[in-house]
Protein backbone atom coordinates (compact mmCIF):
# COMPACT_ATOMS: atom_id res chain seq x y z
CA MET A 1 127.39 37.03 22.51
CA ASP A 2 127.97 36.06 18.88
CA THR A 3 131.74 35.76 19.25
CA LEU A 4 134.20 33.87 21.42
CA GLU A 5 137.28 35.68 22.69
CA ASN A 6 139.81 33.84 24.85
CA ARG A 7 142.16 35.04 27.57
CA THR A 8 145.78 34.12 27.10
CA PHE A 9 148.06 32.79 29.81
CA ASP A 10 149.61 36.24 30.25
CA GLU A 11 146.19 37.86 30.66
CA ILE A 12 145.09 35.52 33.43
CA SER A 13 145.65 36.30 37.12
CA PRO A 14 144.88 34.34 40.30
CA GLY A 15 141.39 35.20 41.51
CA ASP A 16 139.96 35.63 38.01
CA SER A 17 136.65 33.77 37.62
CA ALA A 18 133.81 33.01 35.25
CA THR A 19 130.26 31.84 36.02
CA LEU A 20 127.16 30.55 34.33
CA SER A 21 123.70 29.48 35.54
CA ARG A 22 121.51 26.74 34.13
CA THR A 23 118.15 25.22 35.03
CA LEU A 24 118.04 21.44 34.71
CA THR A 25 115.31 20.32 32.32
CA THR A 26 114.01 16.99 31.11
CA ARG A 27 115.63 17.77 27.77
CA ASP A 28 119.03 18.17 29.48
CA ILE A 29 118.63 14.79 31.16
CA ASP A 30 117.52 13.10 27.94
CA LEU A 31 120.32 14.63 25.88
CA PHE A 32 122.96 13.61 28.42
CA ALA A 33 121.54 10.08 28.58
CA VAL A 34 121.57 9.75 24.79
CA MET A 35 125.12 11.10 24.57
CA SER A 36 126.55 9.06 27.45
CA GLY A 37 124.38 5.97 27.44
CA ASP A 38 123.76 6.45 31.17
CA VAL A 39 120.10 5.45 31.60
CA ASN A 40 120.20 4.99 35.38
CA PRO A 41 116.49 4.98 36.38
CA SER A 42 117.24 7.60 39.02
CA HIS A 43 117.48 10.00 36.09
CA MET A 44 114.93 8.53 33.69
CA ASP A 45 112.13 6.78 35.59
CA ALA A 46 109.89 8.96 37.78
CA GLU A 47 108.28 5.97 39.50
CA PHE A 48 111.66 4.46 40.43
CA ALA A 49 113.09 7.83 41.43
CA ALA A 50 110.20 8.51 43.81
CA GLU A 51 111.26 5.49 45.86
CA ASP A 52 115.00 6.11 45.48
CA SER A 53 117.35 8.05 47.78
CA PHE A 54 116.32 11.54 46.68
CA HIS A 55 112.59 10.78 46.07
CA ARG A 56 112.58 12.63 42.75
CA ILE A 57 114.22 12.69 39.33
CA VAL A 58 117.79 13.96 39.62
CA GLY A 59 120.26 14.96 36.93
CA HIS A 60 123.42 13.10 36.04
CA GLY A 61 126.25 14.32 38.26
CA MET A 62 128.49 14.74 35.24
CA TRP A 63 125.96 17.06 33.61
CA GLY A 64 127.08 19.56 36.26
CA GLY A 65 130.68 18.53 35.70
CA ALA A 66 130.30 19.24 31.99
CA LEU A 67 129.37 22.84 32.78
CA PHE A 68 132.88 23.40 34.15
CA SER A 69 134.18 22.33 30.75
CA THR A 70 131.81 24.83 29.13
CA LEU A 71 133.33 27.70 31.09
CA LEU A 72 136.94 26.61 30.62
CA GLY A 73 136.54 26.00 26.91
CA THR A 74 134.53 29.08 25.99
CA GLU A 75 135.27 31.82 28.56
CA LEU A 76 138.22 31.34 30.88
CA PRO A 77 140.70 30.68 29.37
CA GLY A 78 138.45 29.94 26.34
CA ALA A 79 139.35 28.90 22.80
CA GLY A 80 142.64 27.02 22.58
CA THR A 81 142.43 25.60 26.14
CA ILE A 82 143.65 22.02 26.62
CA TYR A 83 142.31 19.99 29.52
CA LEU A 84 144.99 18.23 31.59
CA GLY A 85 142.92 16.93 34.48
CA GLN A 86 139.87 17.35 36.66
CA SER A 87 138.84 16.06 40.08
CA LEU A 88 135.30 16.47 41.43
CA ARG A 89 133.45 15.69 44.63
CA PHE A 90 129.65 15.46 44.64
CA HIS A 91 127.84 16.76 47.72
CA GLY A 92 124.18 16.84 46.72
CA PRO A 93 121.76 16.15 43.88
CA MET A 94 120.64 18.45 41.09
CA GLY A 95 116.90 17.93 40.81
CA LEU A 96 114.73 18.41 37.78
CA GLY A 97 113.86 22.11 37.63
CA ASP A 98 116.70 23.18 39.93
CA THR A 99 118.81 26.18 38.93
CA VAL A 100 122.54 25.79 39.51
CA THR A 101 125.38 28.30 39.28
CA VAL A 102 128.80 27.07 38.16
CA ARG A 103 132.01 29.03 38.87
CA VAL A 104 135.65 28.43 37.93
CA THR A 105 138.26 30.53 39.78
CA VAL A 106 141.97 30.75 39.00
CA ARG A 107 143.98 29.43 41.96
CA GLU A 108 147.49 29.00 40.54
CA LYS A 109 149.52 29.75 37.42
CA HIS A 110 152.62 27.78 36.39
CA ALA A 111 154.86 29.05 33.61
CA ASP A 112 156.08 25.55 32.74
CA GLY A 113 153.62 24.38 30.13
CA HIS A 114 151.46 27.49 30.71
CA ARG A 115 149.43 25.53 33.23
CA VAL A 116 146.53 27.06 35.15
CA ILE A 117 144.77 25.41 38.08
CA PHE A 118 141.15 26.34 38.83
CA ASP A 119 138.88 25.84 41.81
CA CYS A 120 135.51 24.59 40.64
CA LEU A 121 132.13 25.08 42.35
CA CYS A 122 128.60 24.15 41.34
CA ALA A 123 126.06 25.57 43.81
CA GLY A 124 122.29 25.39 44.19
CA ALA A 125 119.99 28.39 44.15
CA ASP A 126 120.56 28.88 47.89
CA GLY A 127 124.33 28.72 47.52
CA THR A 128 124.67 25.17 48.86
CA PRO A 129 127.67 23.45 47.24
CA LEU A 130 126.58 20.55 45.04
CA ILE A 131 129.90 19.85 43.31
CA THR A 132 133.39 21.02 44.26
CA GLY A 133 136.78 20.22 42.77
CA GLU A 134 139.66 21.49 40.70
CA ALA A 135 140.68 21.50 37.07
CA GLU A 136 144.10 21.84 35.45
CA VAL A 137 144.46 23.15 31.91
CA THR A 138 147.05 24.40 29.47
CA ALA A 139 146.07 27.97 28.70
CA PRO A 140 146.42 29.40 25.18
CA THR A 141 149.28 31.78 24.46
CA GLU A 142 147.79 33.39 21.35
CA LYS A 143 144.74 35.65 21.23
CA ILE A 144 141.79 34.04 19.49
CA ARG A 145 138.57 35.75 18.50
CA ARG A 146 136.10 33.66 16.53
CA ALA A 147 132.44 33.74 15.60
CA LYS A 148 130.39 31.23 17.54
CA VAL A 149 129.53 28.11 15.61
CA ASP A 150 125.81 27.47 15.21
CA LEU A 151 124.86 24.30 17.03
CA PRO A 152 122.92 21.64 15.12
CA GLU A 153 119.25 21.25 15.95
CA VAL A 154 118.54 18.16 18.02
CA HIS A 155 115.07 16.63 18.03
CA LEU A 156 114.46 14.21 20.86
CA ARG A 157 111.71 11.63 20.71
CA ARG A 158 110.80 8.31 22.17
CA ARG A 159 109.60 6.06 19.39
CA GLY A 160 105.88 5.59 19.80
CA GLY A 161 105.75 8.32 22.45
CA ALA A 162 102.59 9.83 20.98
CA TYR A 163 100.87 6.47 21.49
CA GLU A 164 101.51 6.39 25.23
CA ALA A 165 98.40 8.46 26.01
CA LEU A 166 96.30 6.17 23.81
CA ILE A 167 97.57 3.10 25.59
CA ARG A 168 97.05 4.68 29.04
CA ALA A 169 93.46 5.50 28.05
CA THR A 170 92.72 1.78 27.73
CA ASP A 171 93.59 0.99 31.35
CA ASP A 172 89.98 0.67 32.51
CA LEU A 173 88.67 -1.07 29.39
CA GLU A 174 88.03 -4.74 28.84
CA PRO A 175 90.19 -6.34 26.14
CA ILE A 176 88.51 -6.94 22.81
CA ARG A 177 88.32 -10.47 21.43
CA THR A 178 90.42 -10.27 18.27
CA ALA A 179 90.85 -12.75 15.44
CA VAL A 180 94.54 -12.57 14.51
CA VAL A 181 94.80 -13.59 10.88
CA HIS A 182 97.68 -15.92 9.98
CA PRO A 183 100.25 -14.90 12.65
CA CYS A 184 102.89 -17.14 11.15
CA ASP A 185 105.97 -14.99 11.66
CA ALA A 186 107.74 -13.70 14.75
CA VAL A 187 106.69 -10.05 14.49
CA SER A 188 102.96 -10.61 14.02
CA LEU A 189 102.76 -13.34 16.66
CA ALA A 190 104.82 -11.41 19.20
CA GLY A 191 102.85 -8.23 18.54
CA ALA A 192 99.54 -9.99 19.14
CA LEU A 193 100.79 -11.64 22.33
CA GLN A 194 102.24 -8.36 23.61
CA ALA A 195 98.91 -6.62 22.99
CA ALA A 196 97.24 -9.43 24.93
CA GLU A 197 99.72 -9.11 27.80
CA MET A 198 98.92 -5.39 27.98
CA GLY A 199 95.21 -6.12 28.26
CA LEU A 200 94.32 -4.65 24.87
CA ILE A 201 93.04 -7.78 23.14
CA THR A 202 92.09 -11.37 23.80
CA PRO A 203 93.66 -13.04 20.76
CA VAL A 204 92.25 -15.89 18.76
CA LEU A 205 95.07 -17.07 16.51
CA VAL A 206 93.74 -18.17 13.13
CA GLY A 207 96.19 -20.03 10.90
CA PRO A 208 98.07 -23.30 10.39
CA GLU A 209 98.46 -24.46 13.98
CA THR A 210 101.72 -26.33 13.42
CA ARG A 211 103.35 -23.23 11.88
CA ILE A 212 102.12 -20.92 14.65
CA ARG A 213 103.40 -23.26 17.35
CA ALA A 214 106.74 -23.60 15.57
CA VAL A 215 107.17 -19.81 15.48
CA ALA A 216 106.23 -19.59 19.15
CA GLU A 217 108.75 -22.25 20.11
CA ALA A 218 111.52 -20.69 18.03
CA GLU A 219 110.90 -17.24 19.59
CA GLY A 220 110.32 -18.47 23.13
CA LEU A 221 106.71 -17.24 23.17
CA SER A 222 104.09 -18.87 25.36
CA LEU A 223 100.71 -19.81 23.87
CA ALA A 224 99.29 -20.94 27.18
CA GLY A 225 95.61 -20.05 27.42
CA VAL A 226 95.49 -18.68 23.87
CA ASP A 227 92.78 -20.00 21.53
CA LEU A 228 93.90 -21.32 18.16
CA VAL A 229 91.76 -21.96 15.10
CA ASP A 230 93.50 -24.21 12.61
CA SER A 231 93.40 -23.33 8.91
CA ALA A 232 95.11 -24.69 5.84
CA HIS A 233 96.65 -21.53 4.37
CA SER A 234 96.51 -17.74 4.41
CA HIS A 235 93.33 -17.43 2.29
CA ALA A 236 91.58 -19.87 4.56
CA SER A 237 92.87 -17.98 7.61
CA ALA A 238 91.23 -14.78 6.38
CA GLU A 239 87.94 -16.54 5.68
CA GLU A 240 87.93 -18.27 9.08
CA ALA A 241 88.68 -15.00 10.87
CA VAL A 242 85.84 -13.19 9.09
CA ALA A 243 83.51 -16.08 9.94
CA LEU A 244 84.39 -15.66 13.63
CA VAL A 245 83.30 -12.02 13.44
CA ARG A 246 80.05 -12.88 11.66
CA ALA A 247 79.34 -15.47 14.35
CA GLY A 248 79.86 -12.88 17.10
CA LYS A 249 83.02 -14.60 18.35
CA ALA A 250 85.40 -11.74 17.57
CA GLU A 251 85.15 -7.96 17.96
CA ALA A 252 88.09 -7.02 15.74
CA LEU A 253 90.55 -8.38 13.18
CA MET A 254 94.34 -8.12 13.27
CA LYS A 255 96.36 -8.79 10.12
CA GLY A 256 99.31 -11.14 10.48
CA ALA A 257 101.82 -12.52 7.98
CA LEU A 258 99.76 -12.33 4.80
CA HIS A 259 99.00 -9.83 2.06
CA THR A 260 96.49 -7.06 2.69
CA ASP A 261 94.55 -8.16 -0.39
CA GLU A 262 93.99 -11.59 1.14
CA VAL A 263 92.46 -10.11 4.28
CA MET A 264 90.39 -7.51 2.50
CA SER A 265 89.09 -9.96 -0.11
CA ALA A 266 87.45 -11.93 2.66
CA VAL A 267 86.24 -8.76 4.41
CA VAL A 268 84.56 -7.25 1.34
CA ASP A 269 82.98 -10.48 0.09
CA ARG A 270 79.33 -9.57 -0.57
CA ALA A 271 77.93 -12.85 0.71
CA LYS A 272 80.24 -13.75 3.60
CA GLY A 273 82.14 -10.56 4.36
CA LEU A 274 81.81 -7.68 6.81
CA ARG A 275 80.34 -4.91 4.68
CA THR A 276 78.11 -2.18 6.11
CA GLU A 277 76.32 0.77 4.50
CA ARG A 278 79.53 2.79 5.12
CA ARG A 279 82.45 2.66 2.68
CA MET A 280 85.53 1.08 4.25
CA SER A 281 88.64 3.23 4.57
CA HIS A 282 92.03 3.14 6.25
CA VAL A 283 93.33 5.63 8.81
CA PHE A 284 97.02 5.96 9.69
CA ALA A 285 97.82 7.24 13.19
CA MET A 286 101.28 8.78 12.89
CA ASP A 287 103.67 9.62 15.70
CA VAL A 288 105.66 12.39 13.98
CA PRO A 289 108.65 13.75 15.99
CA SER A 290 108.11 17.34 14.87
CA TYR A 291 104.33 17.41 15.36
CA PRO A 292 102.89 18.03 18.83
CA LYS A 293 100.13 15.43 18.70
CA PRO A 294 99.13 12.25 16.85
CA LEU A 295 98.47 12.95 13.18
CA PHE A 296 95.82 10.87 11.42
CA ILE A 297 96.08 10.39 7.64
CA THR A 298 93.38 8.92 5.43
CA ASP A 299 92.93 7.12 3.05
CA ALA A 300 96.30 5.65 2.17
CA ALA A 301 95.49 1.95 1.74
CA ILE A 302 91.97 1.12 0.52
CA ASN A 303 90.28 3.58 -1.86
CA ILE A 304 92.41 4.40 -4.88
CA PHE A 305 90.51 7.28 -6.51
CA PRO A 306 87.59 8.07 -4.18
CA ASP A 307 84.71 10.19 -5.49
CA LEU A 308 82.88 12.75 -3.38
CA ALA A 309 80.49 10.28 -1.78
CA VAL A 310 83.34 7.94 -0.84
CA LYS A 311 85.36 10.85 0.53
CA ALA A 312 82.44 11.77 2.77
CA ASP A 313 82.57 8.27 4.29
CA ILE A 314 86.36 8.45 4.56
CA VAL A 315 86.08 11.70 6.51
CA GLN A 316 83.29 10.39 8.76
CA ASN A 317 85.21 7.20 9.54
CA ALA A 318 88.28 9.19 10.54
CA ILE A 319 86.30 11.63 12.70
CA GLU A 320 84.62 8.80 14.61
CA LEU A 321 87.96 7.10 15.23
CA VAL A 322 89.70 10.26 16.43
CA ARG A 323 86.81 11.12 18.74
CA CYS A 324 87.19 7.68 20.30
CA MET A 325 90.87 8.52 20.80
CA GLY A 326 89.78 11.37 23.07
CA VAL A 327 89.69 14.37 20.71
CA GLU A 328 86.26 15.89 21.29
CA VAL A 329 86.06 17.84 18.02
CA PRO A 330 88.72 16.71 15.52
CA LYS A 331 90.14 19.29 13.15
CA VAL A 332 90.00 17.92 9.61
CA ALA A 333 92.15 19.32 6.80
CA ILE A 334 91.03 18.37 3.28
CA LEU A 335 94.27 18.38 1.31
CA SER A 336 95.06 19.50 -2.20
CA ALA A 337 98.00 21.15 -3.93
CA VAL A 338 96.68 24.66 -3.22
CA GLU A 339 94.42 26.37 -0.72
CA THR A 340 92.10 28.01 -3.25
CA ILE A 341 89.29 26.46 -5.26
CA MET A 342 90.39 25.84 -8.83
CA PRO A 343 87.99 24.07 -11.22
CA ASN A 344 90.90 22.46 -13.09
CA ILE A 345 92.04 20.73 -9.86
CA PRO A 346 89.08 18.51 -8.93
CA SER A 347 90.34 17.83 -5.40
CA THR A 348 89.91 21.52 -4.53
CA VAL A 349 86.28 21.46 -5.66
CA GLU A 350 85.60 18.25 -3.71
CA ALA A 351 87.26 19.75 -0.64
CA SER A 352 84.92 22.71 -0.70
CA ALA A 353 81.94 20.40 -1.20
CA LEU A 354 82.96 18.29 1.80
CA CYS A 355 83.16 21.41 3.95
CA LYS A 356 79.66 22.44 2.85
CA MET A 357 78.41 18.90 3.58
CA ALA A 358 79.71 19.35 7.11
CA ASP A 359 77.90 22.70 7.35
CA ARG A 360 74.66 20.94 6.34
CA GLY A 361 75.06 18.05 8.79
CA GLN A 362 75.94 15.42 6.20
CA ILE A 363 79.30 14.96 7.96
CA THR A 364 79.23 15.32 11.74
CA GLY A 365 81.49 15.40 14.77
CA GLY A 366 84.42 17.43 13.43
CA VAL A 367 85.35 20.81 12.01
CA LEU A 368 86.47 20.74 8.37
CA ASP A 369 88.44 23.14 6.22
CA GLY A 370 89.76 22.79 2.71
CA PRO A 371 91.24 22.87 0.30
CA LEU A 372 94.47 23.23 2.25
CA ALA A 373 97.98 22.51 1.01
CA PHE A 374 99.99 20.20 3.28
CA ASP A 375 102.10 23.03 4.72
CA ASN A 376 99.05 25.11 5.58
CA ALA A 377 97.41 22.15 7.28
CA ILE A 378 100.25 21.40 9.69
CA SER A 379 102.11 24.73 10.07
CA LEU A 380 100.57 27.81 11.66
CA ALA A 381 103.45 29.89 10.33
CA ALA A 382 102.77 28.75 6.76
CA ALA A 383 99.06 29.43 7.13
CA GLN A 384 99.65 32.90 8.60
CA THR A 385 102.13 33.76 5.84
CA LYS A 386 99.40 33.08 3.28
CA GLY A 387 96.78 34.94 5.31
CA ILE A 388 94.66 31.86 5.94
CA VAL A 389 92.24 32.35 8.84
CA SER A 390 90.97 28.94 9.86
CA PRO A 391 90.25 26.83 12.97
CA VAL A 392 91.98 23.92 11.23
CA ALA A 393 95.02 25.36 9.42
CA GLY A 394 98.27 24.69 11.24
CA GLN A 395 96.67 22.44 13.86
CA ALA A 396 95.00 19.59 11.97
CA ASP A 397 94.25 16.30 13.69
CA ILE A 398 93.23 14.58 10.46
CA LEU A 399 94.68 14.95 6.97
CA VAL A 400 92.38 13.76 4.19
CA ALA A 401 94.39 12.99 1.06
CA PRO A 402 92.88 13.55 -2.40
CA ASP A 403 93.61 9.94 -3.39
CA LEU A 404 95.41 6.82 -2.22
CA GLU A 405 98.66 7.65 -4.02
CA ALA A 406 98.97 11.02 -2.29
CA GLY A 407 97.98 9.61 1.11
CA ASN A 408 100.41 6.74 0.86
CA MET A 409 103.25 9.02 -0.19
CA ILE A 410 102.56 11.43 2.69
CA ALA A 411 102.55 8.62 5.24
CA LYS A 412 105.64 6.88 3.87
CA GLN A 413 107.58 10.13 3.61
CA LEU A 414 106.81 10.90 7.24
CA MET A 415 107.98 7.42 8.22
CA TYR A 416 111.20 7.30 6.25
CA LEU A 417 112.27 10.95 6.15
CA ALA A 418 110.85 12.29 9.41
CA GLY A 419 111.23 9.16 11.54
CA ALA A 420 107.50 8.80 12.20
CA ALA A 421 106.02 5.66 13.70
CA SER A 422 102.73 4.42 12.31
CA ALA A 423 99.70 2.49 13.46
CA GLY A 424 96.46 2.07 11.61
CA LEU A 425 92.93 0.73 11.33
CA VAL A 426 90.45 -0.02 8.60
CA LEU A 427 87.00 1.30 9.52
CA GLY A 428 83.58 1.06 7.95
CA ALA A 429 83.36 -2.73 8.30
CA ARG A 430 81.40 -4.46 11.07
CA VAL A 431 84.54 -4.39 13.21
CA PRO A 432 87.82 -2.46 13.11
CA ILE A 433 90.66 -4.13 11.24
CA MET A 434 94.27 -3.68 12.38
CA LEU A 435 95.93 -3.54 8.99
CA THR A 436 99.59 -3.13 9.89
CA SER A 437 102.30 -3.71 7.31
CA ARG A 438 104.43 -6.83 7.47
CA ALA A 439 107.39 -4.43 7.91
CA ASP A 440 105.85 -2.83 11.01
CA GLY A 441 107.27 -3.68 14.41
CA GLU A 442 105.55 -4.57 17.66
CA ILE A 443 104.94 -0.94 18.68
CA SER A 444 102.80 -0.39 15.57
CA ARG A 445 100.77 -3.51 16.30
CA VAL A 446 100.31 -2.61 19.95
CA ALA A 447 99.28 0.96 19.12
CA SER A 448 96.83 -0.34 16.50
CA ALA A 449 95.39 -2.70 19.11
CA ALA A 450 94.94 0.17 21.57
CA MET A 451 93.14 2.20 18.90
CA ALA A 452 90.85 -0.72 18.08
CA GLN A 453 90.06 -1.30 21.75
CA LEU A 454 89.23 2.37 22.30
CA PHE A 455 87.09 2.43 19.17
CA VAL A 456 85.11 -0.70 20.04
CA ARG A 457 84.58 0.05 23.72
CA ARG A 458 83.89 3.80 23.46
CA ARG A 459 81.60 3.39 20.47
CA ALA A 460 79.64 0.76 22.39
CA ALA A 461 79.43 3.13 25.35
CA GLY A 462 78.12 5.94 23.15
CA GLY A 463 81.45 7.71 22.87
CA VAL A 464 80.83 8.74 19.24
CA ALA A 465 77.84 10.03 17.33
């Protein structure tokens, strides 16, 4: 119904009742936990719940109790009702997926204060009482008929939730020996040590040893068993870390508390760096609350105005990474401002050329489409509205930006306006480089480490073309 209509005190008689049925979902449990702060593991932790009294996830008892309030406040008596008291007794659990029926029945009316006392029952699908009790309210004396208020949309997410599958996929892999460049602040050091504790990396801390140990002591972090390579300053840290890779003593790099330019200057050095025949590029892995899977964005950090040849390498780097993340054939959207080829917008022409390069085997491992505007790339509804028939539109795994400015803006807007979490790697060098921002937290560093581990180990095992 689109309207709420109450029943006044004079319209109510003993025996009158109202009912509703609900099926308990994970969303109900999460919403109630967020609202109440009750994160009892019996409700939230499947592993704990399996060993607990009921051997399964159960709902909060007061979730059922709240349904009595729903009936009293919206149906009987409805709008204008004032709660005076409630007593409940809990007889059995409401399990995840269980359907319950809630009933309130008028037991007594009292003219003084227009009080009404209700019997309350919440029963399982088989009629077994789960909650019983009574409620006392002041019933309204004036008729009220109002349009229902639209409820706000609520988007639930666990920060970094899209990374959980990536991290689980590393369970059977050996950690990768990683040179951590200048981890001289709490976030970068803690992130590296957490990644090590999770079995993602074996860290080699490269930086001023006295500073690293001081940070560890101040933060209560243990460096027991961790290799340290002393260096004088951040530039030297980057050079030492790159030298470890060249010597075969590290399989990846992780950026710490220094500027990206300092790391990349050592990496791209023609004589002592880590160049390959492939152009280096950066790939963001975004955990976007409103998108059903990880969203990879490239290139938002390395190549400012890439030409067609560079874009081909950018696309190939991203495809190989995403395949190592477990996506057999990544869907690649080549972005522009429009979805049609327009000679006066060069990115549309380059997008079409990249797609033809894929058709001719010059780019392999993924399915490409472009040009696509951002909305068409990530929204099936938007693509269908414009009549776009495509295996990529509305379901892209990878977004290829026309240039660094556009890619960086897309990624940052998702982070700061859509609440996205980010991780990222630089690819195309001899080893993957975890190029997290100094503002990124531990989850970004851990997720980046998991990506690097998957990339190194699966590529070595022939997991990518």
